[in-house]
């Protein structure tokens, strides 16, 4: 009994630490968005939002799935004490991602030049400055994945969730005080600069966290196997971030960057509900991989059911509070932002319904079923894009929120079905008794 409680206690502490960092991050981003909305015009705020979200999407794509692969492989290599392969996968991942992110950034700027340089020079300038931060943002993602695999989740999350936004706020407010105001290109430049800083700090933390034997072992490579597994993870990672950003990007494309700017606080506010499942998922992922590798399906079922119930019980009061305070929350950004209150409610309800289905995504990814997970997520993004294209012209902000919530619930249900079919595990909170061949 004591041996069981110790791992559970460690998991609980790690989850609490990650949730604390995510809460701090949410608070800092909340302050950041209010400051930017007050300092910039609606048009300039919309340009910043548009550029920022493109970096977020592309930084996940350009990690080519290696961030999520590192979580699993680093945990397994550490468990097996395969130090050469551990060092090898970290080195080769850096090389691949740097080349891919640099190339994609240059191509994106070239496309933007052709599209906007004669029609919308300010937007082109903001977008180009944003692309400077693409390589460090992508490499920072790798450090986060490796730290997760080493079970240093909270420490790995620190540069991105605390140092980066805090430095960004200080630079923005300082510039506004010194120069009497800021512009969208300048703010975007601060974002790229702070990304470099947090990447450098993440690199130092990763080196300090690695086992000594790994640092001094000759690197070994299994590139073909790594890339074979990374490709589904690439689709999963890019699909995940695209599904979270497609509504903003499509609002900007269909209704204009000003509307995308209005929607940003709505989307950001509703994302606070993802902090609980995300905190649990980050801590649980390496544990799921190790438990499945050991063949202990009974313990795996227990972990999934317990995590699903924990997520839902915490999320319920958070949703109620968030919806009740939505009008006040949006008014902090300005009177014009209050028109997003209905879409905020729609997103919150969609997120809560999604928690009913547990962490089926982590279960599939960490047990070798990432291909099925990627396929379902891809279908979900396709559904999201189609629904956004249909509903945004008619219902605007509310249409984007309905499209995102509908696709989220569809993906959750489909992944639960695959988990039950392939693993005989019900990852939802309704799994009162799970039986099956272990």
Protein backbone atom coordinates (compact mmCIF):
# COMPACT_ATOMS: atom_id res chain seq x y z
CA UNK A 1 0.00 0.00 0.00
CA UNK A 2 2.79 2.45 0.89
CA UNK A 3 4.58 1.71 -2.37
CA UNK A 4 1.44 2.59 -4.29
CA UNK A 5 0.92 5.81 -2.42
CA UNK A 6 4.44 7.12 -3.04
CA UNK A 7 4.13 7.18 -6.86
CA UNK A 8 0.64 8.66 -6.51
CA UNK A 9 1.99 11.36 -4.19
CA UNK A 10 4.79 12.19 -6.62
CA UNK A 11 2.30 12.40 -9.48
CA UNK A 12 0.00 14.62 -7.42
CA UNK A 13 2.85 16.97 -6.49
CA UNK A 14 4.06 17.16 -10.08
CA UNK A 15 0.50 17.82 -11.32
CA UNK A 16 0.06 20.53 -8.71
CA UNK A 17 3.34 22.16 -9.71
CA UNK A 18 2.46 22.07 -13.42
CA UNK A 19 -1.02 23.42 -12.74
CA UNK A 20 0.50 26.20 -10.64
CA UNK A 21 2.81 27.17 -13.50
CA UNK A 22 -0.04 27.08 -15.98
CA UNK A 23 -2.12 29.26 -13.67
CA UNK A 24 0.76 31.71 -13.39
CA UNK A 25 1.13 31.65 -17.17
CA UNK A 26 -2.59 32.32 -17.58
CA UNK A 27 -2.41 35.27 -15.20
CA UNK A 28 0.63 36.74 -16.97
CA UNK A 29 -0.94 36.29 -20.42
CA UNK A 30 -4.15 37.81 -19.08
CA UNK A 31 -2.25 40.89 -17.96
CA UNK A 32 -0.29 40.93 -21.25
CA UNK A 33 -3.41 40.89 -23.40
CA UNK A 34 -5.05 43.65 -21.36
CA UNK A 35 -1.91 45.80 -21.63
CA UNK A 36 -1.67 45.23 -25.39
CA UNK A 37 -5.38 45.83 -25.96
CA UNK A 38 -5.10 49.15 -24.11
CA UNK A 39 -1.81 50.28 -25.67
CA UNK A 40 -2.53 49.24 -29.27
CA UNK A 41 -5.40 50.14 -31.56
CA UNK A 42 -7.87 47.38 -32.46
CA UNK A 43 -6.20 47.05 -35.87
CA UNK A 44 -2.67 46.79 -34.44
CA UNK A 45 -3.78 44.41 -31.70
CA UNK A 46 -5.38 42.25 -34.39
CA UNK A 47 -2.12 42.21 -36.39
CA UNK A 48 -0.18 41.11 -33.32
CA UNK A 49 -2.74 38.37 -32.59
CA UNK A 50 -2.56 37.17 -36.19
CA UNK A 51 1.26 37.02 -36.22
CA UNK A 52 1.47 35.42 -32.78
CA UNK A 53 -0.97 32.66 -33.70
CA UNK A 54 0.88 31.85 -36.91
CA UNK A 55 4.09 31.37 -34.91
CA UNK A 56 2.21 29.12 -32.49
CA UNK A 57 0.89 26.95 -35.31
CA UNK A 58 4.13 26.77 -37.29
CA UNK A 59 6.32 26.10 -34.23
CA UNK A 60 4.36 22.91 -33.59
CA UNK A 61 4.54 21.83 -37.23
CA UNK A 62 8.28 22.48 -37.49
CA UNK A 63 9.07 20.26 -34.49
CA UNK A 64 8.01 17.47 -36.91
CA UNK A 65 6.53 15.48 -34.05
CA UNK A 66 9.80 15.20 -32.16
CA UNK A 67 8.56 17.07 -29.08
CA UNK A 68 5.95 14.43 -28.27
CA UNK A 69 8.24 11.60 -29.35
CA UNK A 70 10.87 12.85 -26.89
CA UNK A 71 8.41 12.50 -24.00
CA UNK A 72 8.01 8.80 -24.71
CA UNK A 73 11.52 7.92 -25.89
CA UNK A 74 13.42 9.85 -23.22
CA UNK A 75 11.30 8.22 -20.50
CA UNK A 76 11.99 4.75 -21.96
CA UNK A 77 15.71 5.35 -22.53
CA UNK A 78 16.08 6.57 -18.98
CA UNK A 79 14.18 3.53 -17.69
CA UNK A 80 16.44 1.19 -19.69
CA UNK A 81 19.59 3.27 -19.02
CA UNK A 82 20.24 3.56 -22.77
CA UNK A 83 22.31 6.71 -22.36
CA UNK A 84 23.82 6.73 -25.86
CA UNK A 85 20.40 6.69 -27.51
CA UNK A 86 19.17 9.33 -25.08
CA UNK A 87 21.98 11.68 -26.07
CA UNK A 88 21.57 10.78 -29.73
CA UNK A 89 17.85 11.55 -29.96
CA UNK A 90 18.34 14.91 -28.23
CA UNK A 91 21.15 15.92 -30.60
CA UNK A 92 19.51 14.76 -33.83
CA UNK A 93 16.18 16.35 -32.86
CA UNK A 94 17.87 19.74 -32.45
CA UNK A 95 19.55 19.48 -35.85
CA UNK A 96 16.39 18.48 -37.68
CA UNK A 97 14.13 21.06 -36.06
CA UNK A 98 16.56 23.94 -36.55
CA UNK A 99 16.83 23.23 -40.28
CA UNK A 100 13.08 22.73 -40.74
CA UNK A 101 11.99 25.78 -38.70
CA UNK A 102 14.50 28.10 -40.40
CA UNK A 103 13.39 26.95 -43.85
CA UNK A 104 9.68 27.23 -43.06
CA UNK A 105 10.19 30.72 -41.60
CA UNK A 106 11.94 31.93 -44.78
CA UNK A 107 9.25 30.40 -47.00
CA UNK A 108 6.49 31.99 -44.89
CA UNK A 109 8.10 35.43 -45.19
CA UNK A 110 8.41 34.99 -48.97
CA UNK A 111 4.71 34.11 -49.23
CA UNK A 112 3.79 37.06 -47.01
CA UNK A 113 5.87 39.39 -49.21
CA UNK A 114 3.99 38.26 -52.28
CA UNK A 115 0.63 38.57 -50.50
CA UNK A 116 0.86 41.72 -48.36
CA UNK A 117 3.86 43.91 -49.24
CA UNK A 118 1.84 46.03 -51.69
CA UNK A 119 -1.56 45.84 -49.97
CA UNK A 120 -0.85 45.69 -46.23
CA UNK A 121 2.74 46.60 -45.42
CA UNK A 122 2.19 46.89 -41.63
CA UNK A 123 0.78 43.34 -41.46
CA UNK A 124 3.71 42.04 -43.54
CA UNK A 125 6.18 43.72 -41.20
CA UNK A 126 4.55 42.26 -38.08
CA UNK A 127 4.41 38.79 -39.65
CA UNK A 128 8.06 38.92 -40.73
CA UNK A 129 9.24 39.93 -37.26
CA UNK A 130 7.14 37.10 -35.82
CA UNK A 131 8.90 34.57 -38.06
CA UNK A 132 12.26 35.53 -36.54
CA UNK A 133 11.05 33.85 -33.36
CA UNK A 134 10.02 30.62 -35.12
CA UNK A 135 13.32 28.65 -34.77
CA UNK A 136 13.80 29.36 -31.04
CA UNK A 137 10.10 28.69 -30.37
CA UNK A 138 10.36 25.30 -32.12
CA UNK A 139 13.58 24.37 -30.31
CA UNK A 140 12.05 25.46 -27.01
CA UNK A 141 9.25 22.95 -27.62
CA UNK A 142 11.87 20.19 -27.87
CA UNK A 143 13.35 21.13 -24.50
CA UNK A 144 9.90 20.99 -22.95
CA UNK A 145 9.27 17.51 -24.36
CA UNK A 146 12.66 16.21 -23.19
CA UNK A 147 12.11 17.60 -19.69
CA UNK A 148 8.71 15.88 -19.58
CA UNK A 149 10.40 12.59 -20.45
CA UNK A 150 12.90 13.13 -17.64
CA UNK A 151 9.94 13.67 -15.25
CA UNK A 152 11.01 17.30 -14.72
CA UNK A 153 7.71 18.63 -16.05
CA UNK A 154 7.34 21.75 -13.92
CA UNK A 155 10.98 22.80 -14.35
CA UNK A 156 10.79 22.28 -18.11
CA UNK A 157 7.69 24.43 -18.29
CA UNK A 158 9.19 27.29 -16.27
CA UNK A 159 10.95 29.27 -19.08
CA UNK A 160 7.86 29.39 -21.28
CA UNK A 161 5.21 29.95 -18.61
CA UNK A 162 6.92 32.42 -16.27
CA UNK A 163 10.18 33.88 -17.59
CA UNK A 164 9.00 34.52 -21.16
CA UNK A 165 5.69 36.34 -20.43
CA UNK A 166 7.11 38.24 -17.45
CA UNK A 167 10.02 39.58 -19.51
CA UNK A 168 7.63 40.41 -22.36
CA UNK A 169 5.37 42.45 -20.07
CA UNK A 170 8.31 44.36 -18.60
CA UNK A 171 9.72 45.20 -22.05
CA UNK A 172 6.33 46.32 -23.39
CA UNK A 173 5.43 48.50 -20.41
CA UNK A 174 8.97 49.89 -20.27
CA UNK A 175 8.91 50.85 -23.95
CA UNK A 176 5.48 52.46 -23.58
CA UNK A 177 6.77 54.50 -20.65
CA UNK A 178 10.00 55.58 -22.40
CA UNK A 179 8.61 56.22 -25.89
CA UNK A 180 5.07 57.23 -24.97
CA UNK A 181 3.54 54.25 -26.77
CA UNK A 182 4.27 51.05 -28.68
CA UNK A 183 3.50 49.68 -32.13
CA UNK A 184 2.57 46.20 -33.31
CA UNK A 185 5.98 45.55 -35.00
CA UNK A 186 7.83 46.62 -31.82
CA UNK A 187 5.68 44.40 -29.61
CA UNK A 188 6.18 41.51 -32.01
CA UNK A 189 9.91 42.13 -31.81
CA UNK A 190 9.74 41.86 -28.02
CA UNK A 191 7.93 38.53 -28.39
CA UNK A 192 10.65 37.11 -30.66
CA UNK A 193 13.41 38.39 -28.36
CA UNK A 194 11.88 36.83 -25.23
CA UNK A 195 11.46 33.54 -27.10
CA UNK A 196 15.23 33.48 -27.67
CA UNK A 197 15.82 34.10 -23.96
CA UNK A 198 13.46 31.36 -22.75
CA UNK A 199 14.96 28.93 -25.29
CA UNK A 200 18.46 29.60 -23.93
CA UNK A 201 17.30 29.10 -20.34
CA UNK A 202 15.48 25.90 -21.32
CA UNK A 203 18.68 24.59 -22.91
CA UNK A 204 20.62 25.16 -19.68
CA UNK A 205 17.92 23.50 -17.56
CA UNK A 206 17.82 20.45 -19.86
CA UNK A 207 21.58 19.97 -19.68
CA UNK A 208 21.55 20.25 -15.90
CA UNK A 209 18.68 17.74 -15.63
CA UNK A 210 20.23 15.00 -17.77
CA UNK A 211 21.88 12.02 -16.06
CA UNK A 212 25.67 12.42 -15.98
CA UNK A 213 26.17 9.16 -17.87
CA UNK A 214 24.04 10.51 -20.73
CA UNK A 215 26.14 13.65 -21.07
CA UNK A 216 29.35 11.64 -21.35
CA UNK A 217 28.09 8.77 -23.49
CA UNK A 218 28.78 8.50 -27.22
CA UNK A 219 25.56 9.33 -29.09
CA UNK A 220 23.73 6.47 -30.78
CA UNK A 221 21.09 6.92 -33.45
CA UNK A 222 17.99 5.08 -34.61
CA UNK A 223 16.84 7.75 -37.03
CA UNK A 224 14.58 5.62 -39.19
CA UNK A 225 12.55 4.35 -36.22
CA UNK A 226 12.44 7.82 -34.65
CA UNK A 227 11.13 9.48 -37.81
CA UNK A 228 8.62 6.68 -38.39
CA UNK A 229 7.10 7.36 -34.97
CA UNK A 230 7.59 11.13 -35.17
CA UNK A 231 5.49 11.60 -38.31
CA UNK A 232 2.18 10.70 -36.61
CA UNK A 233 3.24 12.85 -33.65
CA UNK A 234 3.93 15.71 -36.08
CA UNK A 235 0.40 15.51 -37.40
CA UNK A 236 -0.94 15.21 -33.86
CA UNK A 237 1.01 18.22 -32.57
CA UNK A 238 0.27 20.45 -35.54
CA UNK A 239 -3.36 19.34 -35.60
CA UNK A 240 -3.74 20.03 -31.88
CA UNK A 241 -2.40 23.57 -32.09
CA UNK A 242 -4.21 24.23 -35.38
CA UNK A 243 -7.51 23.11 -33.87
CA UNK A 244 -6.89 25.58 -31.02
CA UNK A 245 -5.99 28.44 -33.39
CA UNK A 246 -7.96 27.78 -36.58
CA UNK A 247 -10.92 29.85 -35.37
CA UNK A 248 -8.71 32.94 -34.85
CA UNK A 249 -6.88 32.45 -38.15
CA UNK A 250 -10.11 31.95 -40.10
CA UNK A 251 -11.80 34.90 -38.39
CA UNK A 252 -8.81 37.01 -39.44
CA UNK A 253 -8.99 35.74 -43.01
CA UNK A 254 -12.79 35.99 -43.40
CA UNK A 255 -13.75 38.93 -41.17
CA UNK A 256 -10.41 40.78 -40.87
CA UNK A 257 -7.63 41.03 -38.29
CA UNK A 258 -9.72 43.40 -36.14
CA UNK A 259 -12.31 40.65 -35.53
CA UNK A 260 -9.49 38.20 -34.81
CA UNK A 261 -8.26 40.68 -32.20
CA UNK A 262 -11.71 40.83 -30.61
CA UNK A 263 -11.83 37.04 -30.44
CA UNK A 264 -8.38 36.65 -28.85
CA UNK A 265 -9.48 37.36 -25.22
CA UNK A 266 -12.46 35.03 -25.74
CA UNK A 267 -10.26 32.17 -26.90
CA UNK A 268 -7.56 32.84 -24.30
CA UNK A 269 -10.09 33.08 -21.49
CA UNK A 270 -11.76 29.80 -22.40
CA UNK A 271 -8.39 28.07 -22.64
CA UNK A 272 -7.98 28.38 -18.88
CA UNK A 273 -10.24 25.34 -18.72
CA UNK A 274 -7.60 23.30 -20.55
CA UNK A 275 -5.02 23.91 -17.82
CA UNK A 276 -6.29 21.14 -15.57
CA UNK A 277 -6.28 18.35 -18.23
CA UNK A 278 -3.03 19.70 -19.69
CA UNK A 279 -1.30 19.67 -16.30
CA UNK A 280 -2.47 16.12 -15.61
CA UNK A 281 -1.58 14.98 -19.15
CA UNK A 282 2.00 16.28 -19.01
CA UNK A 283 2.72 14.47 -15.77
CA UNK A 284 0.79 11.34 -16.70
CA UNK A 285 2.28 10.83 -20.20
CA UNK A 286 5.64 9.26 -19.21
CA UNK A 287 3.90 7.23 -16.49
CA UNK A 288 1.45 5.83 -19.06
CA UNK A 289 4.32 4.89 -21.39
CA UNK A 290 6.22 3.12 -18.61
CA UNK A 291 3.15 1.33 -17.20
CA UNK A 292 2.08 0.10 -20.63
CA UNK A 293 5.63 -1.06 -21.44
CA UNK A 294 5.60 -3.06 -18.20
CA UNK A 295 2.34 -4.73 -19.27
CA UNK A 296 0.45 -3.56 -16.20
CA UNK A 297 -2.92 -2.80 -17.80
CA UNK A 298 -4.77 -2.97 -14.50
CA UNK A 299 -2.72 -0.07 -13.12
CA UNK A 300 -3.10 1.78 -16.42
CA UNK A 301 -6.89 1.52 -16.20
CA UNK A 302 -6.77 2.84 -12.65
CA UNK A 303 -4.61 5.81 -13.67
CA UNK A 304 -6.88 6.77 -16.56
CA UNK A 305 -10.10 6.56 -14.56
CA UNK A 306 -8.68 8.47 -11.60
CA UNK A 307 -7.27 11.23 -13.82
CA UNK A 308 -10.57 11.63 -15.71
CA UNK A 309 -12.55 12.05 -12.49
CA UNK A 310 -10.03 14.48 -11.05
CA UNK A 311 -10.12 16.63 -14.20
CA UNK A 312 -13.91 16.79 -14.32
CA UNK A 313 -14.38 17.57 -10.61
CA UNK A 314 -11.92 20.46 -10.78
CA UNK A 315 -13.22 21.75 -14.13
CA UNK A 316 -16.90 22.03 -13.11
CA UNK A 317 -16.56 24.92 -10.64
CA UNK A 318 -13.98 26.60 -12.87
CA UNK A 319 -16.49 26.65 -15.75
CA UNK A 320 -19.26 28.09 -13.56
CA UNK A 321 -16.99 30.84 -12.25
CA UNK A 322 -15.59 31.63 -15.71
CA UNK A 323 -19.03 32.01 -17.31
CA UNK A 324 -20.40 34.09 -14.45
CA UNK A 325 -17.46 36.51 -14.70
CA UNK A 326 -17.22 36.58 -18.51
CA UNK A 327 -18.82 40.01 -19.00
CA UNK A 328 -16.54 41.61 -16.42
CA UNK A 329 -13.51 39.77 -17.79
CA UNK A 330 -14.05 40.96 -21.37
CA UNK A 331 -14.76 44.53 -20.26
CA UNK A 332 -11.19 44.74 -18.94
CA UNK A 333 -9.95 44.76 -22.54
CA UNK A 334 -12.38 47.51 -23.59
CA UNK A 335 -16.10 47.99 -24.19
CA UNK A 336 -15.91 46.65 -27.75
CA UNK A 337 -14.66 43.25 -26.49
CA UNK A 338 -17.88 42.58 -24.56
CA UNK A 339 -19.57 41.38 -27.75
CA UNK A 340 -17.64 38.12 -27.31
CA UNK A 341 -19.51 37.01 -24.16
CA UNK A 342 -21.78 34.52 -25.97
CA UNK A 343 -18.88 32.89 -27.81
CA UNK A 344 -16.99 32.68 -24.51
CA UNK A 345 -19.87 30.72 -22.94
CA UNK A 346 -20.03 28.37 -25.95
CA UNK A 347 -16.31 27.60 -25.71
CA UNK A 348 -16.47 27.00 -21.95
CA UNK A 349 -19.35 24.54 -22.24
CA UNK A 350 -17.57 22.72 -25.08
CA UNK A 351 -14.41 22.37 -22.99
CA UNK A 352 -16.37 21.01 -20.01
CA UNK A 353 -18.16 18.41 -22.14
CA UNK A 354 -14.76 17.37 -23.52
CA UNK A 355 -13.46 16.57 -20.01
CA UNK A 356 -16.11 13.85 -19.65
CA UNK A 357 -14.09 11.68 -22.02
CA UNK A 358 -10.80 11.72 -20.11
CA UNK A 359 -7.27 11.70 -21.51
CA UNK A 360 -7.79 9.29 -24.40
CA UNK A 361 -5.33 11.34 -26.45
CA UNK A 362 -2.44 10.65 -24.03
CA UNK A 363 -3.46 7.00 -23.69
CA UNK A 364 -3.28 6.40 -27.44
CA UNK A 365 -0.10 8.42 -28.02
CA UNK A 366 1.88 6.78 -25.23
CA UNK A 367 0.86 3.19 -26.12
CA UNK A 368 1.91 3.14 -29.76
CA UNK A 369 -1.47 4.10 -31.23
CA UNK A 370 -0.44 7.58 -32.33
CA UNK A 371 -1.38 6.86 -35.97
CA UNK A 372 -5.04 6.30 -35.11
CA UNK A 373 -4.95 9.32 -32.82
CA UNK A 374 -3.48 11.46 -35.60
CA UNK A 375 -6.11 10.31 -38.10
CA UNK A 376 -8.98 11.20 -35.76
CA UNK A 377 -7.43 14.56 -34.90
CA UNK A 378 -6.95 15.30 -38.60
CA UNK A 379 -10.60 14.57 -39.29
CA UNK A 380 -11.49 16.83 -36.37
CA UNK A 381 -9.46 19.73 -37.79
CA UNK A 382 -11.06 19.21 -41.18
CA UNK A 383 -14.48 19.34 -39.52
CA UNK A 384 -13.44 22.47 -37.63
CA UNK A 385 -12.31 24.23 -40.81
CA UNK A 386 -15.49 23.31 -42.69
CA UNK A 387 -17.75 24.43 -39.84
CA UNK A 388 -15.80 27.68 -39.42
CA UNK A 389 -16.12 28.39 -43.14
CA UNK A 390 -19.89 27.81 -42.95
CA UNK A 391 -20.71 29.46 -39.63
CA UNK A 392 -18.30 32.45 -39.42
CA UNK A 393 -19.87 34.38 -42.34
CA UNK A 394 -23.32 34.01 -40.72
CA UNK A 395 -22.65 34.12 -36.98
CA UNK A 396 -19.17 35.63 -36.68
CA UNK A 397 -17.63 35.13 -33.24
CA UNK A 398 -20.36 32.72 -32.11
CA UNK A 399 -19.94 30.67 -35.30
CA UNK A 400 -16.22 30.26 -34.66
CA UNK A 401 -16.87 29.17 -31.07
CA UNK A 402 -19.54 26.64 -32.12
CA UNK A 403 -17.24 25.16 -34.77
CA UNK A 404 -14.38 24.73 -32.30
CA UNK A 405 -16.57 23.16 -29.58
CA UNK A 406 -18.28 20.76 -31.98
CA UNK A 407 -15.02 19.46 -33.43
CA UNK A 408 -13.48 19.11 -29.94
CA UNK A 409 -16.33 16.90 -28.72
CA UNK A 410 -16.26 14.80 -31.90
CA UNK A 411 -12.53 14.08 -31.52
CA UNK A 412 -12.90 13.17 -27.83
CA UNK A 413 -15.68 10.66 -28.51
CA UNK A 414 -13.84 9.07 -31.45
CA UNK A 415 -10.62 8.58 -29.45
CA UNK A 416 -12.49 6.95 -26.58
CA UNK A 417 -13.96 4.47 -29.07
CA UNK A 418 -10.49 3.60 -30.41
CA UNK A 419 -9.04 3.23 -26.90
CA UNK A 420 -11.77 0.76 -25.94
CA UNK A 421 -11.40 -1.14 -29.20
CA UNK A 422 -7.59 -1.36 -29.32
CA UNK A 423 -6.66 -1.46 -25.62
CA UNK A 424 -9.86 -2.56 -23.89
CA UNK A 425 -9.51 0.50 -21.66
CA UNK A 426 -12.27 3.00 -20.98
CA UNK A 427 -10.46 6.31 -20.24
CA UNK A 428 -13.62 8.22 -19.34
CA UNK A 429 -14.85 9.05 -15.84
CA UNK A 430 -17.72 6.58 -16.35
CA UNK A 431 -15.40 3.55 -16.11
CA UNK A 432 -16.63 2.37 -12.72
CA UNK A 433 -15.35 -1.16 -13.23
CA UNK A 434 -12.93 -2.11 -15.95
CA UNK A 435 -12.18 -5.69 -16.67
CA UNK A 436 -10.26 -7.35 -19.39
CA UNK A 437 -7.33 -9.53 -20.18
CA UNK A 438 -4.12 -8.01 -18.84
